[in-house]
PDB file of N, CA and C in Angstrom:
ATOM      1  N   MET A   1       0.847  -1.174   0.000  1.00  0.00           N
ATOM      2  CA  MET A   1       0.000   0.000   0.000  1.00  0.00           C
ATOM      3  C   MET A   1       0.891   1.236   0.000  1.00  0.00           C
ATOM      4  N   ASP A   2       0.766   2.012  -1.026  1.00  0.00           N
ATOM      5  CA  ASP A   2       1.558   3.217  -1.191  1.00  0.00           C
ATOM      6  C   ASP A   2       0.896   4.365  -0.429  1.00  0.00           C
ATOM      7  N   LEU A   3       1.670   5.072   0.391  1.00  0.00           N
ATOM      8  CA  LEU A   3       1.131   6.161   1.202  1.00  0.00           C
ATOM      9  C   LEU A   3       0.521   7.251   0.334  1.00  0.00           C
ATOM     10  N   ALA A   4       1.160   7.587  -0.786  1.00  0.00           N
ATOM     11  CA  ALA A   4       0.625   8.628  -1.668  1.00  0.00           C
ATOM     12  C   ALA A   4      -0.742   8.217  -2.227  1.00  0.00           C
ATOM     13  N   ASP A   5      -0.884   6.959  -2.653  1.00  0.00           N
ATOM     14  CA  ASP A   5      -2.177   6.469  -3.155  1.00  0.00           C
ATOM     15  C   ASP A   5      -3.231   6.526  -2.056  1.00  0.00           C
ATOM     16  N   LEU A   6      -2.834   6.150  -0.866  1.00  0.00           N
ATOM     17  CA  LEU A   6      -3.739   6.150   0.268  1.00  0.00           C
ATOM     18  C   LEU A   6      -4.232   7.564   0.576  1.00  0.00           C
ATOM     19  N   LEU A   7      -3.306   8.501   0.655  1.00  0.00           N
ATOM     20  CA  LEU A   7      -3.689   9.880   0.964  1.00  0.00           C
ATOM     21  C   LEU A   7      -4.526  10.493  -0.154  1.00  0.00           C
ATOM     22  N   ARG A   8      -4.208  10.164  -1.397  1.00  0.00           N
ATOM     23  CA  ARG A   8      -4.983  10.651  -2.546  1.00  0.00           C
ATOM     24  C   ARG A   8      -6.428  10.141  -2.450  1.00  0.00           C
ATOM     25  N   ALA A   9      -6.583   8.880  -2.105  1.00  0.00           N
ATOM     26  CA  ALA A   9      -7.925   8.289  -1.998  1.00  0.00           C
ATOM     27  C   ALA A   9      -8.730   8.923  -0.868  1.00  0.00           C
ATOM     28  N   LEU A  10      -8.072   9.259   0.222  1.00  0.00           N
ATOM     29  CA  LEU A  10      -8.769   9.804   1.384  1.00  0.00           C
ATOM     30  C   LEU A  10      -8.958  11.315   1.337  1.00  0.00           C
ATOM     31  N   ALA A  11      -8.388  11.968   0.354  1.00  0.00           N
ATOM     32  CA  ALA A  11      -8.420  13.429   0.275  1.00  0.00           C
ATOM     33  C   ALA A  11      -9.654  13.961  -0.443  1.00  0.00           C
ATOM     34  N   ASN A  12     -10.754  13.206  -0.395  1.00  0.00           N
ATOM     35  CA  ASN A  12     -11.963  13.619  -1.093  1.00  0.00           C
ATOM     36  C   ASN A  12     -13.173  13.259  -0.235  1.00  0.00           C
ATOM     37  N   GLU A  13     -14.037  14.238   0.017  1.00  0.00           N
ATOM     38  CA  GLU A  13     -15.213  14.027   0.872  1.00  0.00           C
ATOM     39  C   GLU A  13     -16.136  12.938   0.337  1.00  0.00           C
ATOM     40  N   ARG A  14     -16.268  12.859  -0.977  1.00  0.00           N
ATOM     41  CA  ARG A  14     -17.164  11.847  -1.546  1.00  0.00           C
ATOM     42  C   ARG A  14     -16.621  10.437  -1.306  1.00  0.00           C
ATOM     43  N   ARG A  15     -15.318  10.262  -1.448  1.00  0.00           N
ATOM     44  CA  ARG A  15     -14.740   8.935  -1.194  1.00  0.00           C
ATOM     45  C   ARG A  15     -14.835   8.574   0.285  1.00  0.00           C
ATOM     46  N   LEU A  16     -14.668   9.552   1.154  1.00  0.00           N
ATOM     47  CA  LEU A  16     -14.848   9.296   2.586  1.00  0.00           C
ATOM     48  C   LEU A  16     -16.297   8.917   2.879  1.00  0.00           C
ATOM     49  N   GLN A  17     -17.239   9.566   2.196  1.00  0.00           N
ATOM     50  CA  GLN A  17     -18.654   9.238   2.376  1.00  0.00           C
ATOM     51  C   GLN A  17     -18.930   7.805   1.928  1.00  0.00           C
ATOM     52  N   ILE A  18     -18.365   7.406   0.793  1.00  0.00           N
ATOM     53  CA  ILE A  18     -18.533   6.037   0.301  1.00  0.00           C
ATOM     54  C   ILE A  18     -18.014   5.039   1.332  1.00  0.00           C
ATOM     55  N   LEU A  19     -16.817   5.284   1.859  1.00  0.00           N
ATOM     56  CA  LEU A  19     -16.260   4.388   2.867  1.00  0.00           C
ATOM     57  C   LEU A  19     -17.160   4.302   4.098  1.00  0.00           C
ATOM     58  N   ASP A  20     -17.733   5.422   4.486  1.00  0.00           N
ATOM     59  CA  ASP A  20     -18.633   5.434   5.640  1.00  0.00           C
ATOM     60  C   ASP A  20     -19.891   4.617   5.342  1.00  0.00           C
ATOM     61  N   TRP A  21     -20.497   4.798   4.188  1.00  0.00           N
ATOM     62  CA  TRP A  21     -21.686   4.025   3.823  1.00  0.00           C
ATOM     63  C   TRP A  21     -21.395   2.530   3.790  1.00  0.00           C
ATOM     64  N   LEU A  22     -20.204   2.179   3.283  1.00  0.00           N
ATOM     65  CA  LEU A  22     -19.862   0.764   3.154  1.00  0.00           C
ATOM     66  C   LEU A  22     -19.586   0.086   4.500  1.00  0.00           C
ATOM     67  N   LYS A  23     -19.433   0.878   5.567  1.00  0.00           N
ATOM     68  CA  LYS A  23     -19.279   0.296   6.911  1.00  0.00           C
ATOM     69  C   LYS A  23     -20.513  -0.525   7.265  1.00  0.00           C
ATOM     70  N   ASP A  24     -21.683  -0.029   6.898  1.00  0.00           N
ATOM     71  CA  ASP A  24     -22.942  -0.694   7.224  1.00  0.00           C
ATOM     72  C   ASP A  24     -23.833  -0.682   5.979  1.00  0.00           C
ATOM     73  N   PRO A  25     -23.534  -1.556   5.029  1.00  0.00           N
ATOM     74  CA  PRO A  25     -24.263  -1.506   3.752  1.00  0.00           C
ATOM     75  C   PRO A  25     -25.757  -1.789   3.876  1.00  0.00           C
ATOM     76  N   THR A  26     -26.160  -2.636   4.815  1.00  0.00           N
ATOM     77  CA  THR A  26     -27.588  -2.950   4.924  1.00  0.00           C
ATOM     78  C   THR A  26     -28.391  -1.750   5.439  1.00  0.00           C
ATOM     79  N   ALA A  27     -27.758  -0.868   6.188  1.00  0.00           N
ATOM     80  CA  ALA A  27     -28.439   0.331   6.682  1.00  0.00           C
ATOM     81  C   ALA A  27     -28.450   1.449   5.647  1.00  0.00           C
ATOM     82  N   ASN A  28     -27.513   1.407   4.709  1.00  0.00           N
ATOM     83  CA  ASN A  28     -27.359   2.519   3.779  1.00  0.00           C
ATOM     84  C   ASN A  28     -27.823   2.251   2.348  1.00  0.00           C
ATOM     85  N   PHE A  29     -28.080   0.982   2.008  1.00  0.00           N
ATOM     86  CA  PHE A  29     -28.454   0.652   0.636  1.00  0.00           C
ATOM     87  C   PHE A  29     -29.630  -0.324   0.623  1.00  0.00           C
ATOM     88  N   PRO A  30     -30.442  -0.263  -0.442  1.00  0.00           N
ATOM     89  CA  PRO A  30     -31.575  -1.190  -0.543  1.00  0.00           C
ATOM     90  C   PRO A  30     -31.099  -2.600  -0.876  1.00  0.00           C
ATOM     91  N   PRO A  31     -31.967  -3.590  -0.668  1.00  0.00           N
ATOM     92  CA  PRO A  31     -31.605  -4.961  -1.050  1.00  0.00           C
ATOM     93  C   PRO A  31     -31.298  -5.042  -2.547  1.00  0.00           C
ATOM     94  N   GLN A  32     -30.413  -5.963  -2.913  1.00  0.00           N
ATOM     95  CA  GLN A  32     -29.995  -6.129  -4.305  1.00  0.00           C
ATOM     96  C   GLN A  32     -30.527  -7.446  -4.849  1.00  0.00           C
ATOM     97  N   VAL A  33     -30.763  -7.491  -6.153  1.00  0.00           N
ATOM     98  CA  VAL A  33     -31.178  -8.730  -6.804  1.00  0.00           C
ATOM     99  C   VAL A  33     -29.995  -9.689  -6.856  1.00  0.00           C
ATOM    100  N   ASP A  34     -28.862  -9.204  -7.289  1.00  0.00           N
ATOM    101  CA  ASP A  34     -27.639 -10.008  -7.380  1.00  0.00           C
ATOM    102  C   ASP A  34     -26.679  -9.578  -6.282  1.00  0.00           C
ATOM    103  N   GLY A  35     -26.068 -10.544  -5.631  1.00  0.00           N
ATOM    104  CA  GLY A  35     -25.041 -10.246  -4.643  1.00  0.00           C
ATOM    105  C   GLY A  35     -25.586  -9.844  -3.284  1.00  0.00           C
ATOM    106  N   ASP A  36     -24.958 -10.364  -2.250  1.00  0.00           N
ATOM    107  CA  ASP A  36     -25.294 -10.034  -0.872  1.00  0.00           C
ATOM    108  C   ASP A  36     -24.589  -8.736  -0.495  1.00  0.00           C
ATOM    109  N   LEU A  37     -25.322  -7.811   0.107  1.00  0.00           N
ATOM    110  CA  LEU A  37     -24.752  -6.503   0.462  1.00  0.00           C
ATOM    111  C   LEU A  37     -23.503  -6.616   1.325  1.00  0.00           C
ATOM    112  N   VAL A  38     -23.491  -7.551   2.263  1.00  0.00           N
ATOM    113  CA  VAL A  38     -22.362  -7.680   3.179  1.00  0.00           C
ATOM    114  C   VAL A  38     -21.262  -8.553   2.581  1.00  0.00           C
ATOM    115  N   LYS A  39     -21.626  -9.723   2.110  1.00  0.00           N
ATOM    116  CA  LYS A  39     -20.626 -10.686   1.622  1.00  0.00           C
ATOM    117  C   LYS A  39     -19.999 -10.254   0.295  1.00  0.00           C
ATOM    118  N   ASP A  40     -20.825  -9.799  -0.650  1.00  0.00           N
ATOM    119  CA  ASP A  40     -20.338  -9.448  -1.983  1.00  0.00           C
ATOM    120  C   ASP A  40     -20.048  -7.967  -2.148  1.00  0.00           C
ATOM    121  N   GLY A  41     -20.715  -7.137  -1.374  1.00  0.00           N
ATOM    122  CA  GLY A  41     -20.542  -5.703  -1.493  1.00  0.00           C
ATOM    123  C   GLY A  41     -21.752  -5.044  -2.122  1.00  0.00           C
ATOM    124  N   VAL A  42     -21.635  -3.751  -2.327  1.00  0.00           N
ATOM    125  CA  VAL A  42     -22.725  -2.937  -2.863  1.00  0.00           C
ATOM    126  C   VAL A  42     -22.470  -2.676  -4.338  1.00  0.00           C
ATOM    127  N   CYS A  43     -23.528  -2.830  -5.130  1.00  0.00           N
ATOM    128  CA  CYS A  43     -23.426  -2.569  -6.565  1.00  0.00           C
ATOM    129  C   CYS A  43     -23.072  -1.099  -6.798  1.00  0.00           C
ATOM    130  N   GLY A  44     -22.154  -0.883  -7.724  1.00  0.00           N
ATOM    131  CA  GLY A  44     -21.739   0.474  -8.056  1.00  0.00           C
ATOM    132  C   GLY A  44     -22.885   1.371  -8.479  1.00  0.00           C
ATOM    133  N   VAL A  45     -23.919   0.795  -9.081  1.00  0.00           N
ATOM    134  CA  VAL A  45     -25.085   1.583  -9.508  1.00  0.00           C
ATOM    135  C   VAL A  45     -25.761   2.212  -8.292  1.00  0.00           C
ATOM    136  N   PHE A  46     -25.907   1.438  -7.200  1.00  0.00           N
ATOM    137  CA  PHE A  46     -26.528   1.972  -5.986  1.00  0.00           C
ATOM    138  C   PHE A  46     -25.666   3.066  -5.355  1.00  0.00           C
ATOM    139  N   ILE A  47     -24.355   2.863  -5.370  1.00  0.00           N
ATOM    140  CA  ILE A  47     -23.452   3.871  -4.794  1.00  0.00           C
ATOM    141  C   ILE A  47     -23.531   5.157  -5.609  1.00  0.00           C
ATOM    142  N   ALA A  48     -23.501   5.046  -6.930  1.00  0.00           N
ATOM    143  CA  ALA A  48     -23.580   6.227  -7.802  1.00  0.00           C
ATOM    144  C   ALA A  48     -24.885   6.972  -7.578  1.00  0.00           C
ATOM    145  N   ASP A  49     -25.993   6.233  -7.497  1.00  0.00           N
ATOM    146  CA  ASP A  49     -27.298   6.869  -7.275  1.00  0.00           C
ATOM    147  C   ASP A  49     -27.330   7.618  -5.950  1.00  0.00           C
ATOM    148  N   LYS A  50     -26.863   6.965  -4.900  1.00  0.00           N
ATOM    149  CA  LYS A  50     -26.894   7.592  -3.568  1.00  0.00           C
ATOM    150  C   LYS A  50     -25.968   8.813  -3.515  1.00  0.00           C
ATOM    151  N   LEU A  51     -24.844   8.729  -4.199  1.00  0.00           N
ATOM    152  CA  LEU A  51     -23.880   9.833  -4.210  1.00  0.00           C
ATOM    153  C   LEU A  51     -24.319  10.950  -5.148  1.00  0.00           C
ATOM    154  N   GLY A  52     -25.214  10.624  -6.096  1.00  0.00           N
ATOM    155  CA  GLY A  52     -25.694  11.628  -7.053  1.00  0.00           C
ATOM    156  C   GLY A  52     -24.683  11.940  -8.141  1.00  0.00           C
ATOM    157  N   VAL A  53     -23.951  10.896  -8.567  1.00  0.00           N
ATOM    158  CA  VAL A  53     -22.945  11.089  -9.622  1.00  0.00           C
ATOM    159  C   VAL A  53     -23.199  10.104 -10.760  1.00  0.00           C
ATOM    160  N   THR A  54     -22.552  10.345 -11.878  1.00  0.00           N
ATOM    161  CA  THR A  54     -22.658   9.450 -13.023  1.00  0.00           C
ATOM    162  C   THR A  54     -21.781   8.220 -12.803  1.00  0.00           C
ATOM    163  N   ALA A  55     -22.026   7.199 -13.608  1.00  0.00           N
ATOM    164  CA  ALA A  55     -21.229   5.968 -13.524  1.00  0.00           C
ATOM    165  C   ALA A  55     -19.737   6.231 -13.752  1.00  0.00           C
ATOM    166  N   PRO A  56     -19.363   7.036 -14.767  1.00  0.00           N
ATOM    167  CA  PRO A  56     -17.928   7.299 -14.958  1.00  0.00           C
ATOM    168  C   PRO A  56     -17.282   8.014 -13.762  1.00  0.00           C
ATOM    169  N   THR A  57     -18.010   8.936 -13.146  1.00  0.00           N
ATOM    170  CA  THR A  57     -17.473   9.631 -11.972  1.00  0.00           C
ATOM    171  C   THR A  57     -17.290   8.652 -10.817  1.00  0.00           C
ATOM    172  N   LEU A  58     -18.284   7.793 -10.609  1.00  0.00           N
ATOM    173  CA  LEU A  58     -18.150   6.790  -9.554  1.00  0.00           C
ATOM    174  C   LEU A  58     -16.977   5.867  -9.842  1.00  0.00           C
ATOM    175  N   SER A  59     -16.826   5.465 -11.091  1.00  0.00           N
ATOM    176  CA  SER A  59     -15.722   4.574 -11.458  1.00  0.00           C
ATOM    177  C   SER A  59     -14.376   5.175 -11.063  1.00  0.00           C
ATOM    178  N   GLU A  60     -14.213   6.458 -11.258  1.00  0.00           N
ATOM    179  CA  GLU A  60     -12.947   7.115 -10.889  1.00  0.00           C
ATOM    180  C   GLU A  60     -12.761   7.105  -9.369  1.00  0.00           C
ATOM    181  N   HIS A  61     -13.823   7.420  -8.631  1.00  0.00           N
ATOM    182  CA  HIS A  61     -13.732   7.377  -7.164  1.00  0.00           C
ATOM    183  C   HIS A  61     -13.360   5.971  -6.693  1.00  0.00           C
ATOM    184  N   MET A  62     -14.044   4.975  -7.247  1.00  0.00           N
ATOM    185  CA  MET A  62     -13.792   3.603  -6.814  1.00  0.00           C
ATOM    186  C   MET A  62     -12.419   3.117  -7.262  1.00  0.00           C
ATOM    187  N   ARG A  63     -11.964   3.561  -8.416  1.00  0.00           N
ATOM    188  CA  ARG A  63     -10.624   3.179  -8.885  1.00  0.00           C
ATOM    189  C   ARG A  63      -9.572   3.619  -7.864  1.00  0.00           C
ATOM    190  N   LEU A  64      -9.708   4.824  -7.356  1.00  0.00           N
ATOM    191  CA  LEU A  64      -8.745   5.332  -6.377  1.00  0.00           C
ATOM    192  C   LEU A  64      -8.842   4.581  -5.050  1.00  0.00           C
ATOM    193  N   LEU A  65     -10.061   4.249  -4.621  1.00  0.00           N
ATOM    194  CA  LEU A  65     -10.218   3.496  -3.381  1.00  0.00           C
ATOM    195  C   LEU A  65      -9.671   2.076  -3.516  1.00  0.00           C
ATOM    196  N   VAL A  66      -9.899   1.462  -4.669  1.00  0.00           N
ATOM    197  CA  VAL A  66      -9.364   0.115  -4.917  1.00  0.00           C
ATOM    198  C   VAL A  66      -7.846   0.161  -5.018  1.00  0.00           C
ATOM    199  N   GLN A  67      -7.319   1.146  -5.753  1.00  0.00           N
ATOM    200  CA  GLN A  67      -5.867   1.289  -5.924  1.00  0.00           C
ATOM    201  C   GLN A  67      -5.176   1.474  -4.571  1.00  0.00           C
ATOM    202  N   ALA A  68      -5.827   2.180  -3.658  1.00  0.00           N
ATOM    203  CA  ALA A  68      -5.261   2.387  -2.315  1.00  0.00           C
ATOM    204  C   ALA A  68      -5.418   1.143  -1.446  1.00  0.00           C
ATOM    205  N   GLY A  69      -6.222   0.178  -1.902  1.00  0.00           N
ATOM    206  CA  GLY A  69      -6.410  -1.056  -1.157  1.00  0.00           C
ATOM    207  C   GLY A  69      -7.492  -0.995  -0.102  1.00  0.00           C
ATOM    208  N   LEU A  70      -8.282   0.072  -0.092  1.00  0.00           N
ATOM    209  CA  LEU A  70      -9.300   0.254   0.944  1.00  0.00           C
ATOM    210  C   LEU A  70     -10.601  -0.468   0.628  1.00  0.00           C
ATOM    211  N   VAL A  71     -10.823  -0.743  -0.641  1.00  0.00           N
ATOM    212  CA  VAL A  71     -12.067  -1.354  -1.100  1.00  0.00           C
ATOM    213  C   VAL A  71     -11.727  -2.505  -2.042  1.00  0.00           C
ATOM    214  N   LYS A  72     -12.533  -3.572  -1.951  1.00  0.00           N
ATOM    215  CA  LYS A  72     -12.351  -4.724  -2.844  1.00  0.00           C
ATOM    216  C   LYS A  72     -13.491  -4.763  -3.855  1.00  0.00           C
ATOM    217  N   PRO A  73     -13.168  -4.855  -5.140  1.00  0.00           N
ATOM    218  CA  PRO A  73     -14.222  -4.999  -6.150  1.00  0.00           C
ATOM    219  C   PRO A  73     -14.517  -6.476  -6.404  1.00  0.00           C
ATOM    220  N   LYS A  74     -15.741  -6.753  -6.827  1.00  0.00           N
ATOM    221  CA  LYS A  74     -16.132  -8.112  -7.195  1.00  0.00           C
ATOM    222  C   LYS A  74     -17.116  -8.019  -8.350  1.00  0.00           C
ATOM    223  N   ARG A  75     -16.833  -8.732  -9.423  1.00  0.00           N
ATOM    224  CA  ARG A  75     -17.726  -8.748 -10.579  1.00  0.00           C
ATOM    225  C   ARG A  75     -18.768  -9.850 -10.406  1.00  0.00           C
ATOM    226  N   ILE A  76     -20.023  -9.474 -10.595  1.00  0.00           N
ATOM    227  CA  ILE A  76     -21.129 -10.419 -10.651  1.00  0.00           C
ATOM    228  C   ILE A  76     -21.947 -10.023 -11.869  1.00  0.00           C
ATOM    229  N   LYS A  77     -22.032 -10.954 -12.813  1.00  0.00           N
ATOM    230  CA  LYS A  77     -22.658 -10.678 -14.109  1.00  0.00           C
ATOM    231  C   LYS A  77     -21.967  -9.461 -14.716  1.00  0.00           C
ATOM    232  N   GLN A  78     -22.724  -8.437 -15.104  1.00  0.00           N
ATOM    233  CA  GLN A  78     -22.093  -7.271 -15.716  1.00  0.00           C
ATOM    234  C   GLN A  78     -21.855  -6.142 -14.706  1.00  0.00           C
ATOM    235  N   TRP A  79     -22.078  -6.406 -13.441  1.00  0.00           N
ATOM    236  CA  TRP A  79     -21.988  -5.376 -12.415  1.00  0.00           C
ATOM    237  C   TRP A  79     -20.718  -5.534 -11.584  1.00  0.00           C
ATOM    238  N   THR A  80     -20.269  -4.416 -11.022  1.00  0.00           N
ATOM    239  CA  THR A  80     -19.159  -4.452 -10.069  1.00  0.00           C
ATOM    240  C   THR A  80     -19.703  -4.069  -8.698  1.00  0.00           C
ATOM    241  N   PHE A  81     -19.377  -4.898  -7.726  1.00  0.00           N
ATOM    242  CA  PHE A  81     -19.802  -4.697  -6.345  1.00  0.00           C
ATOM    243  C   PHE A  81     -18.566  -4.339  -5.522  1.00  0.00           C
ATOM    244  N   TYR A  82     -18.765  -3.484  -4.520  1.00  0.00           N
ATOM    245  CA  TYR A  82     -17.644  -3.006  -3.714  1.00  0.00           C
ATOM    246  C   TYR A  82     -17.926  -3.215  -2.237  1.00  0.00           C
ATOM    247  N   ARG A  83     -16.862  -3.656  -1.524  1.00  0.00           N
ATOM    248  CA  ARG A  83     -16.947  -3.747  -0.063  1.00  0.00           C
ATOM    249  C   ARG A  83     -15.623  -3.296   0.534  1.00  0.00           C
ATOM    250  N   ARG A  84     -15.709  -2.830   1.768  1.00  0.00           N
ATOM    251  CA  ARG A  84     -14.507  -2.373   2.464  1.00  0.00           C
ATOM    252  C   ARG A  84     -13.592  -3.551   2.758  1.00  0.00           C
ATOM    253  N   ASP A  85     -12.294  -3.281   2.754  1.00  0.00           N
ATOM    254  CA  ASP A  85     -11.304  -4.263   3.193  1.00  0.00           C
ATOM    255  C   ASP A  85     -10.852  -3.801   4.575  1.00  0.00           C
ATOM    256  N   GLU A  86     -11.481  -4.343   5.598  1.00  0.00           N
ATOM    257  CA  GLU A  86     -11.238  -3.874   6.967  1.00  0.00           C
ATOM    258  C   GLU A  86      -9.784  -4.070   7.408  1.00  0.00           C
ATOM    259  N   ASP A  87      -9.158  -5.165   7.001  1.00  0.00           N
ATOM    260  CA  ASP A  87      -7.749  -5.384   7.352  1.00  0.00           C
ATOM    261  C   ASP A  87      -6.866  -4.316   6.725  1.00  0.00           C
ATOM    262  N   ALA A  88      -7.135  -4.000   5.471  1.00  0.00           N
ATOM    263  CA  ALA A  88      -6.349  -2.972   4.775  1.00  0.00           C
ATOM    264  C   ALA A  88      -6.598  -1.591   5.374  1.00  0.00           C
ATOM    265  N   ILE A  89      -7.825  -1.328   5.788  1.00  0.00           N
ATOM    266  CA  ILE A  89      -8.129  -0.038   6.414  1.00  0.00           C
ATOM    267  C   ILE A  89      -7.396   0.089   7.745  1.00  0.00           C
ATOM    268  N   ALA A  90      -7.340  -0.986   8.522  1.00  0.00           N
ATOM    269  CA  ALA A  90      -6.588  -0.965   9.783  1.00  0.00           C
ATOM    270  C   ALA A  90      -5.102  -0.732   9.519  1.00  0.00           C
ATOM    271  N   ALA A  91      -4.566  -1.400   8.490  1.00  0.00           N
ATOM    272  CA  ALA A  91      -3.155  -1.210   8.130  1.00  0.00           C
ATOM    273  C   ALA A  91      -2.909   0.219   7.651  1.00  0.00           C
ATOM    274  N   ALA A  92      -3.852   0.765   6.904  1.00  0.00           N
ATOM    275  CA  ALA A  92      -3.725   2.140   6.409  1.00  0.00           C
ATOM    276  C   ALA A  92      -3.722   3.132   7.566  1.00  0.00           C
ATOM    277  N   THR A  93      -4.570   2.878   8.553  1.00  0.00           N
ATOM    278  CA  THR A  93      -4.617   3.743   9.729  1.00  0.00           C
ATOM    279  C   THR A  93      -3.269   3.748  10.441  1.00  0.00           C
ATOM    280  N   ARG A  94      -2.682   2.563  10.578  1.00  0.00           N
ATOM    281  CA  ARG A  94      -1.355   2.472  11.216  1.00  0.00           C
ATOM    282  C   ARG A  94      -0.298   3.195  10.381  1.00  0.00           C
ATOM    283  N   LYS A  95      -0.361   3.011   9.063  1.00  0.00           N
ATOM    284  CA  LYS A  95       0.636   3.625   8.169  1.00  0.00           C
ATOM    285  C   LYS A  95       0.564   5.162   8.259  1.00  0.00           C
ATOM    286  N   ILE A  96      -0.633   5.694   8.290  1.00  0.00           N
ATOM    287  CA  ILE A  96      -0.784   7.149   8.395  1.00  0.00           C
ATOM    288  C   ILE A  96      -0.263   7.628   9.734  1.00  0.00           C
ATOM    289  N   ALA A  97      -0.570   6.906  10.811  1.00  0.00           N
ATOM    290  CA  ALA A  97      -0.103   7.282  12.142  1.00  0.00           C
ATOM    291  C   ALA A  97       1.424   7.279  12.213  1.00  0.00           C
ATOM    292  N   GLU A  98       2.052   6.314  11.554  1.00  0.00           N
ATOM    293  CA  GLU A  98       3.511   6.246  11.551  1.00  0.00           C
ATOM    294  C   GLU A  98       4.138   7.381  10.744  1.00  0.00           C
ATOM    295  N   ALA A  99       3.421   7.872   9.745  1.00  0.00           N
ATOM    296  CA  ALA A  99       3.962   8.899   8.858  1.00  0.00           C
ATOM    297  C   ALA A  99       3.920  10.294   9.455  1.00  0.00           C
ATOM    298  N   VAL A 100       3.055  10.489  10.450  1.00  0.00           N
ATOM    299  CA  VAL A 100       2.925  11.848  11.011  1.00  0.00           C
ATOM    300  C   VAL A 100       3.665  12.011  12.308  1.00  0.00           C
TER     301      VAL A 100
END
């Protein structure tokens, strides 16, 4: 996990909001036809709708979160589902604490 990638991913209110929503996906998103909200993650379409952005804008936000290692993507059919990587988030927290 590169510190610059991590800080870049966290330096945006919308990405922080996404991470917060993904902490408790069942409370923040409606049930999905494909994929379990907790086990598989939240469909990018639901995240984009809730955030009020287009699919390409969401893709860029999620690309940065995935690149930083904070979120794991999973393809189901033609959709991409996202869930937090709690171990990576804990490691990122330690890395930031060590850097300051």
